[in-house]
Amino acid sequence: MATVFMRWLERRPATYDRGIRLLTLGRLERLYRIIAASVQADHQVLEIGCGTGALTSLLAEVTDRVVAIDVSEDMLTVARQKLDEKELLGHVQLTRMDAMALEAAYSPGTFDMIVSSLALSELSSTEQEYVLRICRQLLAADGTLLILDEVAPAHAYARLLFGLIRGPLRLATWLLTRTTTNPLKNLAVKLRRSGFADKLLAAALGGTLCVYQGKPEVAAGFESVHEQIPRIGHDPNIASRLKDAWALFFRVLPPYPKFEPGLYAIGKPDSDSPVLVTGNFDLTVRRVVRDIEGELDAWLLVVNSSGINVWCAAGGGFLSAERVIGALKMSGIDEWHRGKRMVLPQLCANGVDGNVIRAQTGWAVNWGPVRARDIPTYLENGYTKTEAMRTVDFPVLDRLEMVSATLGLYGLMVLGPVLIFWRHLFWPILLALLGLSYFYALALPLIPGRDGLIKSLPLAFIALAGMVVFTWLTGPMDPLQLFRRGVGMVALSVFVAAELQGMSPLMRGEQANWGWEALIAVMLSVTYWLLPRIMGWSA
């Protein structure tokens, strides 16, 4: 559980060692010494994530050929001071560097030993495998990789106990730093997949703090790599249904349901099979798989889009050419795929530069159809789209779904204050909000205007007309009450039409109307307060 609080401790380098010592109950030093005992005087050693230099000092006592990297300059400053005090600074080259940059910085076979302590768990699963492959490349043929990190227990009951203890610590760390880490899962499998023979050297804290050794093996051929790539299929279950429900009503409310980035096999693809690219919004991935499973064998490259759908992620800078290139490199597919052609979603073309991908990777880039269900036909036609495949439409089911998704957040924004301050109005406003929103979804193509704010005008007239009919059917209402409800319906109409315009790829979702909405809100508030006094309507 040490890595949970590492994020918090890293912001306080001076107290980092003391905090880690407490969190690991003093077990970390023993594991450090096991690693240092494996080093020889003539070894060229690379340490990934050196932190404040606790392990670095032990390595430098054995060999004067240590390269230690870390992404935090503050941590490196403390490490530099510590090594200087022990007169070991000359034995170590301290460098601020991300582990992802090691491949470009050093030649293959440079190091006799690579060590990492509590660093790998700060990376995503895909990044972990990428770093391990880099380590395999940088190690000499008879070199050694030593990983000291937190590891998730293998047995179900142990995992449950581990989660119960670790959960509150993880929450506290997130509240303090807005970041957290995850224990390593399937480290032995990842080592083998990256070209290492794995061995558990030592363990502590009930087997959750481990030292793994990796020795380079002969590089696996395509068949071996192919068998190790995870396969995914469309398998609806309770968990996926719950994720669907969350994605339906709270899609725009973080945390977004995410799929683990990486390379996946659909069906039984080979080294010539098509490579499809998408973001890691969980619902997107599962729908792509649902639409093509059984129709074709393909590789699916899931890019980290921060859990946002491809259209919104590309428009917001969360899905870019750089992220696609990074995912391609980390997946390792470039090493064995013969076709070197990828299919990107058409709806991410607003933020992903295909020319950059082509120039930096040598891969051909094709923009696929709007709908995933058209991908098999698109590929059968030789990567050629029909007009229907490239046309962005917005049918009624899509409109209803997107209104439901946006209502999750905006409903909380509107109904939360109402429930606190005007509880007696909660149900009328809830019914009005639902009625206006779903009517808007159904009637969207018929309401004039491209911008949501313009569409709010006819929507407000329709809402007022509906209110008049409702009043006529249910009985008379005094002028003040009728006036107040009318102002409320106009306000809701403006809010619904203006804010829900982002639900449609056919509308100007990138154009925020917040300034105009604020002005209209002020005008309606003044009218709500002033007109009854002018007309002499009593409360």
Protein backbone atom coordinates (compact mmCIF):
# COMPACT_ATOMS: atom_id res chain seq x y z
CA MET A 1 0.00 0.00 0.00
CA ALA A 2 3.04 2.26 -0.01
CA THR A 3 2.42 3.45 -3.56
CA VAL A 4 -0.97 4.91 -2.64
CA PHE A 5 0.60 7.61 -0.48
CA MET A 6 3.60 8.04 -2.77
CA ARG A 7 1.71 10.68 -4.75
CA TRP A 8 1.22 12.71 -1.59
CA LEU A 9 4.74 12.11 -0.29
CA GLU A 10 6.32 13.03 -3.64
CA ARG A 11 5.09 16.57 -3.12
CA ARG A 12 7.09 16.62 0.12
CA PRO A 13 10.47 15.13 -0.89
CA ALA A 14 12.12 16.02 2.44
CA THR A 15 9.76 13.71 4.33
CA TYR A 16 9.40 11.10 1.58
CA ASP A 17 11.81 8.51 3.00
CA ARG A 18 10.31 8.73 6.48
CA GLY A 19 6.78 8.35 5.11
CA ILE A 20 7.65 5.39 2.88
CA ARG A 21 9.45 3.71 5.78
CA LEU A 22 6.32 3.99 7.90
CA LEU A 23 3.99 2.85 5.12
CA THR A 24 6.07 -0.25 4.41
CA LEU A 25 6.66 -0.97 8.12
CA GLY A 26 10.41 -0.79 7.54
CA ARG A 27 10.40 -3.67 5.05
CA LEU A 28 11.58 -1.59 2.10
CA GLU A 29 15.22 -1.29 3.25
CA ARG A 30 15.60 -5.08 3.36
CA LEU A 31 14.32 -5.39 -0.20
CA TYR A 32 16.62 -2.56 -1.30
CA ARG A 33 19.59 -4.48 0.05
CA ILE A 34 18.53 -7.63 -1.81
CA ILE A 35 18.60 -5.61 -5.03
CA ALA A 36 21.95 -3.98 -4.23
CA ALA A 37 23.46 -7.39 -3.45
CA SER A 38 22.78 -8.44 -7.07
CA VAL A 39 24.96 -5.64 -8.47
CA GLN A 40 28.62 -6.12 -9.37
CA ALA A 41 31.38 -3.49 -9.44
CA ASP A 42 31.70 -3.51 -13.24
CA HIS A 43 27.95 -3.28 -13.91
CA GLN A 44 26.43 -0.39 -15.82
CA VAL A 45 23.17 0.15 -13.90
CA LEU A 46 20.01 2.08 -14.81
CA GLU A 47 17.55 2.99 -12.06
CA ILE A 48 14.07 4.01 -13.18
CA GLY A 49 12.25 6.29 -10.74
CA CYS A 50 15.10 6.92 -8.30
CA GLY A 51 13.05 9.26 -6.09
CA THR A 52 15.13 10.66 -3.22
CA GLY A 53 17.98 8.26 -3.90
CA ALA A 54 17.56 5.71 -1.09
CA LEU A 55 18.23 2.75 -3.40
CA THR A 56 20.57 4.83 -5.58
CA SER A 57 22.98 5.27 -2.67
CA LEU A 58 23.19 1.53 -2.11
CA LEU A 59 23.82 0.93 -5.82
CA ALA A 60 26.51 3.65 -5.92
CA GLU A 61 28.34 1.98 -3.03
CA VAL A 62 28.90 -1.05 -5.28
CA THR A 63 29.48 0.50 -8.72
CA ASP A 64 30.40 3.94 -10.00
CA ARG A 65 28.43 3.44 -13.22
CA VAL A 66 24.88 4.28 -12.18
CA VAL A 67 22.35 6.20 -14.28
CA ALA A 68 19.33 7.27 -12.19
CA ILE A 69 16.27 8.94 -13.73
CA ASP A 70 13.12 10.49 -12.25
CA VAL A 71 10.42 12.84 -13.55
CA SER A 72 10.47 15.03 -10.41
CA GLU A 73 13.20 17.68 -10.17
CA ASP A 74 12.42 18.15 -6.47
CA MET A 75 13.05 14.46 -5.79
CA LEU A 76 16.29 14.60 -7.79
CA THR A 77 17.43 17.58 -5.71
CA VAL A 78 17.02 15.59 -2.51
CA ALA A 79 18.77 12.59 -4.10
CA ARG A 80 21.66 14.82 -5.19
CA GLN A 81 22.07 16.17 -1.64
CA LYS A 82 21.94 12.67 -0.15
CA LEU A 83 24.58 11.32 -2.55
CA ASP A 84 26.78 14.35 -1.98
CA GLU A 85 26.69 13.84 1.79
CA LYS A 86 27.87 10.25 1.31
CA GLU A 87 30.51 11.35 -1.25
CA LEU A 88 28.85 9.19 -3.90
CA LEU A 89 27.62 11.90 -6.27
CA GLY A 90 30.45 11.19 -8.70
CA HIS A 91 29.26 7.61 -9.04
CA VAL A 92 25.81 8.56 -10.33
CA GLN A 93 24.44 10.37 -13.37
CA LEU A 94 21.15 11.90 -12.17
CA THR A 95 18.81 12.83 -15.01
CA ARG A 96 15.30 14.22 -15.13
CA MET A 97 13.61 11.92 -17.64
CA ASP A 98 10.39 10.06 -18.22
CA ALA A 99 10.79 6.31 -18.63
CA MET A 100 9.02 6.59 -22.00
CA ALA A 101 12.01 8.55 -23.34
CA LEU A 102 14.62 5.90 -22.53
CA GLU A 103 14.41 4.20 -25.93
CA ALA A 104 15.55 7.35 -27.71
CA ALA A 105 18.18 8.24 -25.09
CA TYR A 106 20.23 5.01 -24.95
CA SER A 107 21.43 2.37 -27.39
CA PRO A 108 20.31 -1.28 -27.22
CA GLY A 109 22.31 -3.42 -24.79
CA THR A 110 23.69 -0.43 -22.88
CA PHE A 111 23.00 -1.67 -19.33
CA ASP A 112 24.00 -4.77 -17.39
CA MET A 113 21.23 -4.20 -14.85
CA ILE A 114 18.02 -2.16 -14.75
CA VAL A 115 16.20 -1.64 -11.45
CA SER A 116 12.89 0.03 -10.63
CA SER A 117 11.46 0.68 -7.17
CA LEU A 118 7.82 1.72 -6.65
CA ALA A 119 7.75 3.35 -10.09
CA LEU A 120 6.08 0.89 -12.43
CA SER A 121 2.83 0.99 -10.43
CA GLU A 122 2.45 4.68 -11.26
CA LEU A 123 1.96 3.82 -14.94
CA SER A 124 -1.04 2.44 -16.78
CA SER A 125 -1.00 -1.22 -17.75
CA THR A 126 -0.13 -0.39 -21.35
CA GLU A 127 2.67 1.96 -20.28
CA GLN A 128 4.05 -0.72 -17.96
CA GLU A 129 4.42 -3.18 -20.83
CA TYR A 130 5.94 -0.51 -23.03
CA VAL A 131 8.57 0.32 -20.39
CA LEU A 132 9.30 -3.37 -19.89
CA ARG A 133 9.88 -3.78 -23.64
CA ILE A 134 12.24 -0.79 -23.55
CA CYS A 135 14.09 -2.42 -20.65
CA ARG A 136 14.39 -5.63 -22.66
CA GLN A 137 15.93 -3.65 -25.52
CA LEU A 138 18.36 -1.67 -23.33
CA LEU A 139 19.63 -4.70 -21.37
CA ALA A 140 22.68 -6.67 -22.40
CA ALA A 141 22.02 -10.26 -23.48
CA ASP A 142 23.05 -11.56 -20.03
CA GLY A 143 21.62 -8.56 -18.14
CA THR A 144 19.11 -8.51 -15.29
CA LEU A 145 15.94 -6.56 -14.62
CA LEU A 146 14.83 -6.14 -10.98
CA ILE A 147 11.38 -4.72 -10.19
CA LEU A 148 10.41 -3.78 -6.62
CA ASP A 149 6.80 -2.76 -6.37
CA GLU A 150 3.38 -3.25 -4.84
CA VAL A 151 1.59 -6.28 -6.28
CA ALA A 152 -2.08 -7.15 -6.05
CA PRO A 153 -2.64 -10.49 -4.26
CA ALA A 154 -3.47 -13.45 -6.47
CA HIS A 155 -6.17 -15.05 -4.30
CA ALA A 156 -9.70 -13.63 -4.16
CA TYR A 157 -9.96 -13.36 -0.36
CA ALA A 158 -6.53 -11.77 -0.11
CA ARG A 159 -7.52 -9.27 -2.82
CA LEU A 160 -10.71 -8.42 -0.92
CA LEU A 161 -8.82 -7.80 2.33
CA PHE A 162 -6.16 -5.86 0.44
CA GLY A 163 -8.85 -3.69 -1.18
CA LEU A 164 -10.62 -3.02 2.13
CA ILE A 165 -7.39 -1.84 3.74
CA ARG A 166 -6.07 0.02 0.71
CA GLY A 167 -9.35 1.67 -0.34
CA PRO A 168 -9.50 4.38 2.37
CA LEU A 169 -5.80 5.17 1.86
CA ARG A 170 -6.34 5.50 -1.88
CA LEU A 171 -9.32 7.82 -1.34
CA ALA A 172 -7.37 9.97 1.11
CA THR A 173 -4.46 10.25 -1.32
CA TRP A 174 -6.78 11.22 -4.17
CA LEU A 175 -8.42 13.91 -2.04
CA LEU A 176 -4.99 15.30 -1.13
CA THR A 177 -3.33 15.12 -4.54
CA ARG A 178 -6.09 14.39 -7.11
CA THR A 179 -3.97 11.44 -8.26
CA THR A 180 -3.46 7.86 -7.16
CA THR A 181 -1.63 4.68 -8.14
CA ASN A 182 -2.59 1.07 -8.69
CA PRO A 183 -0.86 -2.13 -7.55
CA LEU A 184 0.71 -4.16 -10.32
CA LYS A 185 -1.46 -6.89 -11.78
CA ASN A 186 -0.15 -9.91 -13.69
CA LEU A 187 3.44 -8.65 -13.50
CA ALA A 188 4.84 -12.10 -14.25
CA VAL A 189 2.69 -12.33 -17.38
CA LYS A 190 3.78 -8.85 -18.51
CA LEU A 191 7.42 -9.77 -17.99
CA ARG A 192 7.07 -12.89 -20.14
CA ARG A 193 5.13 -10.96 -22.77
CA SER A 194 7.97 -8.40 -22.89
CA GLY A 195 10.66 -11.02 -23.46
CA PHE A 196 11.79 -11.92 -19.93
CA ALA A 197 11.98 -15.12 -17.94
CA ASP A 198 10.48 -14.10 -14.60
CA LYS A 199 11.34 -15.12 -11.03
CA LEU A 200 10.08 -13.93 -7.65
CA LEU A 201 13.17 -13.09 -5.57
CA ALA A 202 11.62 -11.75 -2.35
CA ALA A 203 8.33 -10.60 -0.84
CA ALA A 204 7.09 -8.70 2.21
CA LEU A 205 3.86 -7.39 3.75
CA GLY A 206 1.91 -10.53 3.07
CA GLY A 207 3.21 -10.90 -0.46
CA THR A 208 2.03 -7.45 -1.59
CA LEU A 209 5.52 -5.88 -1.77
CA CYS A 210 7.65 -7.99 -4.10
CA VAL A 211 10.97 -8.09 -5.92
CA TYR A 212 10.74 -9.74 -9.35
CA GLN A 213 13.73 -10.68 -11.49
CA GLY A 214 13.61 -10.69 -15.27
CA LYS A 215 16.23 -12.32 -17.49
CA PRO A 216 16.13 -11.63 -21.25
CA GLU A 217 14.85 -14.46 -23.43
CA VAL A 218 14.99 -14.93 -27.19
CA ALA A 219 12.46 -12.58 -28.78
CA ALA A 220 9.11 -14.23 -29.41
CA GLY A 221 7.84 -14.63 -32.94
CA PHE A 222 4.47 -13.44 -34.16
CA GLU A 223 2.65 -16.61 -33.18
CA SER A 224 3.79 -16.30 -29.58
CA VAL A 225 2.98 -12.60 -29.43
CA HIS A 226 -0.41 -13.23 -31.03
CA GLU A 227 -1.37 -15.71 -28.32
CA GLN A 228 -0.50 -13.23 -25.57
CA ILE A 229 -2.64 -10.35 -26.85
CA PRO A 230 -5.93 -10.25 -24.92
CA ARG A 231 -9.11 -11.08 -26.83
CA ILE A 232 -12.36 -9.24 -26.28
CA GLY A 233 -15.88 -10.12 -27.30
CA HIS A 234 -19.41 -8.90 -26.83
CA ASP A 235 -20.54 -10.51 -23.60
CA PRO A 236 -23.39 -8.61 -21.90
CA ASN A 237 -23.48 -9.17 -18.14
CA ILE A 238 -24.62 -7.39 -14.99
CA ALA A 239 -21.45 -5.29 -14.76
CA SER A 240 -21.70 -4.15 -18.39
CA ARG A 241 -25.41 -3.35 -17.95
CA LEU A 242 -24.61 -1.18 -14.93
CA LYS A 243 -21.89 0.60 -16.92
CA ASP A 244 -24.41 1.15 -19.73
CA ALA A 245 -26.85 2.70 -17.26
CA TRP A 246 -24.16 5.01 -15.88
CA ALA A 247 -23.05 5.96 -19.39
CA LEU A 248 -26.66 6.64 -20.37
CA PHE A 249 -27.51 9.07 -17.59
CA PHE A 250 -24.15 10.35 -16.35
CA ARG A 251 -21.93 10.19 -19.43
CA VAL A 252 -20.77 13.79 -19.04
CA LEU A 253 -20.16 13.46 -15.31
CA PRO A 254 -16.69 12.20 -14.29
CA PRO A 255 -15.33 9.69 -13.51
CA TYR A 256 -16.03 8.41 -17.01
CA PRO A 257 -16.36 4.62 -17.52
CA LYS A 258 -12.97 3.75 -19.03
CA PHE A 259 -11.64 0.78 -20.95
CA GLU A 260 -7.99 -0.16 -20.40
CA PRO A 261 -5.97 1.27 -23.34
CA GLY A 262 -3.96 -1.23 -25.38
CA LEU A 263 -4.15 -3.68 -28.26
CA TYR A 264 -6.93 -6.28 -28.37
CA ALA A 265 -7.88 -9.10 -30.69
CA ILE A 266 -11.42 -9.48 -32.04
CA GLY A 267 -11.96 -12.94 -33.48
CA LYS A 268 -8.78 -14.59 -34.77
CA PRO A 269 -6.74 -11.88 -36.51
CA ASP A 270 -3.29 -12.43 -38.00
CA SER A 271 -0.41 -10.14 -38.97
CA ASP A 272 -2.32 -8.90 -42.04
CA SER A 273 -5.67 -8.25 -40.34
CA PRO A 274 -7.09 -4.70 -40.25
CA VAL A 275 -6.20 -2.42 -37.34
CA LEU A 276 -9.10 -0.36 -35.99
CA VAL A 277 -8.51 2.60 -33.67
CA THR A 278 -10.89 4.03 -31.09
CA GLY A 279 -10.88 5.90 -27.77
CA ASN A 280 -11.19 4.28 -24.36
CA PHE A 281 -14.71 5.38 -23.42
CA ASP A 282 -16.01 2.03 -22.18
CA LEU A 283 -19.33 2.18 -24.00
CA THR A 284 -17.62 3.04 -27.31
CA VAL A 285 -15.28 0.05 -27.12
CA ARG A 286 -18.03 -2.42 -26.29
CA ARG A 287 -20.29 -1.12 -29.05
CA VAL A 288 -17.51 -1.36 -31.63
CA VAL A 289 -16.87 -4.95 -30.56
CA ARG A 290 -20.61 -5.71 -30.63
CA ASP A 291 -20.99 -4.37 -34.17
CA ILE A 292 -18.06 -6.21 -35.76
CA GLU A 293 -17.73 -9.43 -33.75
CA GLY A 294 -18.49 -12.40 -35.96
CA GLU A 295 -18.26 -10.21 -39.06
CA LEU A 296 -14.47 -9.93 -39.32
CA ASP A 297 -11.17 -10.69 -37.56
CA ALA A 298 -9.41 -7.49 -36.55
CA TRP A 299 -7.07 -5.79 -34.11
CA LEU A 300 -8.56 -3.04 -31.96
CA LEU A 301 -6.12 -0.37 -30.77
CA VAL A 302 -7.73 1.40 -27.83
CA VAL A 303 -6.15 4.84 -27.33
CA ASN A 304 -6.25 6.70 -24.04
CA SER A 305 -8.88 9.40 -24.65
CA SER A 306 -9.35 10.01 -20.91
CA GLY A 307 -12.53 7.95 -21.00
CA ILE A 308 -14.26 10.40 -23.38
CA ASN A 309 -15.99 9.42 -26.65
CA VAL A 310 -13.96 9.97 -29.81
CA TRP A 311 -15.88 13.02 -31.09
CA CYS A 312 -15.74 14.98 -27.84
CA ALA A 313 -12.22 13.77 -26.99
CA ALA A 314 -10.82 14.86 -30.36
CA GLY A 315 -12.55 18.24 -30.14
CA GLY A 316 -11.29 18.77 -26.59
CA GLY A 317 -7.68 17.71 -27.22
CA PHE A 318 -7.93 14.38 -25.36
CA LEU A 319 -7.55 12.32 -28.53
CA SER A 320 -4.75 13.49 -30.81
CA ALA A 321 -2.25 12.24 -33.37
CA GLU A 322 0.37 12.13 -30.62
CA ARG A 323 -1.79 9.88 -28.46
CA VAL A 324 -2.47 7.55 -31.39
CA ILE A 325 1.26 7.37 -32.15
CA GLY A 326 2.04 6.68 -28.50
CA ALA A 327 -0.56 3.89 -28.34
CA LEU A 328 0.83 2.38 -31.54
CA LYS A 329 4.37 2.31 -30.15
CA MET A 330 3.31 0.96 -26.76
CA SER A 331 1.24 -1.81 -28.32
CA GLY A 332 4.26 -3.30 -30.13
CA ILE A 333 2.14 -4.01 -33.20
CA ASP A 334 4.52 -2.08 -35.43
CA GLU A 335 7.12 -4.81 -34.90
CA TRP A 336 5.12 -7.59 -36.56
CA HIS A 337 2.10 -6.20 -38.46
CA ARG A 338 2.66 -6.43 -42.20
CA GLY A 339 -0.15 -4.26 -43.51
CA LYS A 340 0.84 -1.05 -41.65
CA ARG A 341 -2.60 0.47 -42.18
CA MET A 342 -5.00 1.78 -39.54
CA VAL A 343 -8.64 2.82 -39.64
CA LEU A 344 -9.54 5.85 -37.53
CA PRO A 345 -13.11 6.93 -36.66
CA GLN A 346 -14.35 9.66 -38.99
CA LEU A 347 -15.72 11.60 -36.02
CA CYS A 348 -12.25 12.14 -34.54
CA ALA A 349 -10.93 13.88 -37.65
CA ASN A 350 -11.61 17.24 -35.97
CA GLY A 351 -8.68 16.70 -33.58
CA VAL A 352 -6.44 13.95 -35.00
CA ASP A 353 -4.00 14.90 -37.76
CA GLY A 354 -3.62 11.86 -40.01
CA ASN A 355 -0.65 13.43 -41.83
CA VAL A 356 1.33 13.58 -38.58
CA ILE A 357 0.63 9.89 -37.95
CA ARG A 358 1.70 8.96 -41.49
CA ALA A 359 4.90 11.02 -41.28
CA GLN A 360 6.02 9.74 -37.87
CA THR A 361 5.03 6.07 -38.14
CA GLY A 362 4.95 5.19 -41.84
CA TRP A 363 1.48 3.73 -41.38
CA ALA A 364 -1.31 4.44 -43.85
CA VAL A 365 -4.27 6.23 -42.26
CA ASN A 366 -7.84 5.72 -43.42
CA TRP A 367 -10.91 7.44 -42.04
CA GLY A 368 -13.57 4.84 -41.44
CA PRO A 369 -17.35 5.16 -41.58
CA VAL A 370 -19.40 7.13 -39.07
CA ARG A 371 -21.09 4.00 -37.73
CA ALA A 372 -19.14 0.99 -36.45
CA ARG A 373 -21.71 -1.36 -37.96
CA ASP A 374 -20.58 -0.26 -41.44
CA ILE A 375 -16.92 -1.21 -40.83
CA PRO A 376 -17.17 -4.79 -42.25
CA THR A 377 -18.76 -3.54 -45.49
CA TYR A 378 -16.26 -0.66 -45.66
CA LEU A 379 -13.34 -3.11 -45.47
CA GLU A 380 -14.93 -5.48 -48.00
CA ASN A 381 -15.16 -2.52 -50.39
CA GLY A 382 -11.40 -1.96 -50.16
CA TYR A 383 -11.46 0.82 -47.56
CA THR A 384 -14.02 2.74 -49.61
CA LYS A 385 -16.97 4.58 -48.05
CA THR A 386 -20.35 5.12 -49.63
CA GLU A 387 -22.08 8.46 -49.19
CA ALA A 388 -24.31 6.92 -46.54
CA MET A 389 -21.26 5.73 -44.59
CA ARG A 390 -19.73 9.19 -44.46
CA THR A 391 -22.94 11.09 -43.72
CA VAL A 392 -23.48 12.17 -40.12
CA ASP A 393 -27.14 11.83 -39.29
CA PHE A 394 -28.86 12.11 -35.93
CA PRO A 395 -31.86 9.76 -35.78
CA VAL A 396 -34.44 9.86 -33.04
CA LEU A 397 -32.95 7.02 -30.94
CA ASP A 398 -29.59 8.79 -30.87
CA ARG A 399 -31.28 12.03 -29.87
CA LEU A 400 -33.17 10.36 -27.03
CA GLU A 401 -29.97 8.68 -25.82
CA MET A 402 -27.93 11.87 -25.85
CA VAL A 403 -30.63 13.87 -24.08
CA SER A 404 -30.69 11.19 -21.37
CA ALA A 405 -26.91 11.37 -21.08
CA THR A 406 -26.80 15.15 -20.71
CA LEU A 407 -29.81 15.25 -18.40
CA GLY A 408 -27.82 13.34 -15.79
CA LEU A 409 -25.52 16.30 -15.13
CA TYR A 410 -27.86 19.17 -15.98
CA GLY A 411 -30.69 17.59 -14.01
CA LEU A 412 -28.47 17.61 -10.92
CA MET A 413 -27.53 21.24 -11.58
CA VAL A 414 -31.17 22.35 -11.78
CA LEU A 415 -32.88 20.02 -9.33
CA GLY A 416 -30.24 20.06 -6.59
CA PRO A 417 -30.85 23.70 -5.55
CA VAL A 418 -34.61 23.25 -6.06
CA LEU A 419 -34.63 20.30 -3.65
CA ILE A 420 -32.79 22.36 -1.04
CA PHE A 421 -34.52 25.76 -1.31
CA TRP A 422 -37.89 25.16 -3.05
CA ARG A 423 -38.77 21.58 -2.19
CA HIS A 424 -42.46 22.08 -2.96
CA LEU A 425 -41.53 22.83 -6.60
CA PHE A 426 -39.33 19.76 -7.08
CA TRP A 427 -41.84 17.50 -8.83
CA PRO A 428 -43.36 20.17 -11.11
CA ILE A 429 -39.89 21.30 -12.22
CA LEU A 430 -38.71 17.70 -12.66
CA LEU A 431 -41.69 16.89 -14.88
CA ALA A 432 -41.25 20.13 -16.83
CA LEU A 433 -37.51 19.46 -17.35
CA LEU A 434 -38.11 15.90 -18.53
CA GLY A 435 -41.00 16.89 -20.76
CA LEU A 436 -39.13 19.79 -22.39
CA SER A 437 -35.91 17.78 -22.84
CA TYR A 438 -37.47 14.73 -24.47
CA PHE A 439 -39.83 16.85 -26.57
CA TYR A 440 -36.75 18.77 -27.72
CA ALA A 441 -35.04 15.49 -28.65
CA LEU A 442 -38.04 14.30 -30.67
CA ALA A 443 -38.74 17.63 -32.39
CA LEU A 444 -35.14 18.82 -32.87
CA PRO A 445 -35.06 18.65 -36.71
CA LEU A 446 -38.39 20.50 -36.92
CA ILE A 447 -37.42 23.40 -34.65
CA PRO A 448 -35.86 26.19 -36.75
CA GLY A 449 -32.32 27.42 -36.14
CA ARG A 450 -28.88 25.83 -36.06
CA ASP A 451 -27.75 27.26 -32.73
CA GLY A 452 -29.40 25.98 -29.56
CA LEU A 453 -30.03 29.47 -28.28
CA ILE A 454 -32.03 30.31 -31.40
CA LYS A 455 -33.98 27.07 -31.05
CA SER A 456 -34.88 28.05 -27.49
CA LEU A 457 -37.23 30.78 -28.78
CA PRO A 458 -39.76 28.52 -30.54
CA LEU A 459 -39.27 25.96 -27.75
CA ALA A 460 -40.26 28.59 -25.18
CA PHE A 461 -43.41 29.50 -27.16
CA ILE A 462 -44.36 25.80 -27.37
CA ALA A 463 -43.74 25.39 -23.63
CA LEU A 464 -45.87 28.42 -22.79
CA ALA A 465 -48.63 27.17 -25.05
CA GLY A 466 -48.52 23.80 -23.31
CA MET A 467 -48.68 25.53 -19.93
CA VAL A 468 -51.75 27.55 -21.01
CA VAL A 469 -53.51 24.37 -22.17
CA PHE A 470 -52.61 22.61 -18.91
CA THR A 471 -53.97 25.55 -16.89
CA TRP A 472 -57.19 25.59 -18.92
CA LEU A 473 -57.68 21.86 -18.32
CA THR A 474 -56.85 21.86 -14.59
CA GLY A 475 -58.56 25.05 -13.54
CA PRO A 476 -57.90 28.77 -13.27
CA MET A 477 -54.71 30.13 -11.74
CA ASP A 478 -54.15 33.55 -10.21
CA PRO A 479 -52.09 35.98 -12.37
CA LEU A 480 -49.02 35.95 -10.11
CA GLN A 481 -48.79 32.16 -10.08
CA LEU A 482 -49.38 31.97 -13.82
CA PHE A 483 -46.71 34.62 -14.40
CA ARG A 484 -44.15 32.87 -12.22
CA ARG A 485 -44.69 29.53 -13.91
CA GLY A 486 -44.42 31.21 -17.29
CA VAL A 487 -41.06 32.75 -16.42
CA GLY A 488 -39.91 29.37 -15.14
CA MET A 489 -40.92 27.63 -18.37
CA VAL A 490 -39.08 30.23 -20.45
CA ALA A 491 -35.96 29.82 -18.30
CA LEU A 492 -36.09 26.04 -18.60
CA SER A 493 -36.61 26.27 -22.37
CA VAL A 494 -33.52 28.46 -22.79
CA PHE A 495 -31.47 26.19 -20.54
CA VAL A 496 -32.54 22.98 -22.30
CA ALA A 497 -32.09 24.20 -25.87
CA ALA A 498 -28.85 26.07 -25.26
CA GLU A 499 -27.13 23.51 -23.05
CA LEU A 500 -28.24 20.36 -24.88
CA GLN A 501 -26.97 21.58 -28.25
CA GLY A 502 -23.68 19.78 -27.56
CA MET A 503 -25.54 16.47 -27.84
CA SER A 504 -25.69 16.73 -31.63
CA PRO A 505 -22.86 16.54 -34.18
CA LEU A 506 -25.10 18.62 -36.45
CA MET A 507 -25.19 21.63 -34.12
CA ARG A 508 -22.59 24.10 -32.99
CA GLY A 509 -21.67 22.24 -29.83
CA GLU A 510 -18.28 23.93 -29.67
CA GLN A 511 -19.88 27.36 -29.37
CA ALA A 512 -20.71 27.96 -25.71
CA ASN A 513 -23.67 30.28 -25.07
CA TRP A 514 -22.94 30.87 -21.40
CA GLY A 515 -22.62 34.64 -21.77
CA TRP A 516 -25.99 34.95 -23.49
CA GLU A 517 -27.56 32.51 -21.04
CA ALA A 518 -26.30 34.57 -18.11
CA LEU A 519 -27.70 37.76 -19.67
CA ILE A 520 -31.08 36.12 -20.29
CA ALA A 521 -31.07 34.80 -16.71
CA VAL A 522 -30.51 38.32 -15.37
CA MET A 523 -33.28 39.72 -17.58
CA LEU A 524 -35.73 37.00 -16.50
CA SER A 525 -34.81 37.54 -12.83
CA VAL A 526 -35.43 41.28 -13.08
CA THR A 527 -38.72 40.64 -14.86
CA TYR A 528 -39.70 38.03 -12.26
CA TRP A 529 -39.10 40.54 -9.45
CA LEU A 530 -40.22 43.80 -11.06
CA LEU A 531 -43.32 43.05 -13.15
CA PRO A 532 -45.55 41.79 -10.26
CA ARG A 533 -44.80 45.01 -8.37
CA ILE A 534 -45.69 47.15 -11.38
CA MET A 535 -48.90 45.19 -11.96
CA GLY A 536 -49.81 45.18 -8.27
CA TRP A 537 -50.04 41.39 -8.05
CA SER A 538 -49.91 40.34 -4.41
CA ALA A 539 -48.14 37.21 -3.22
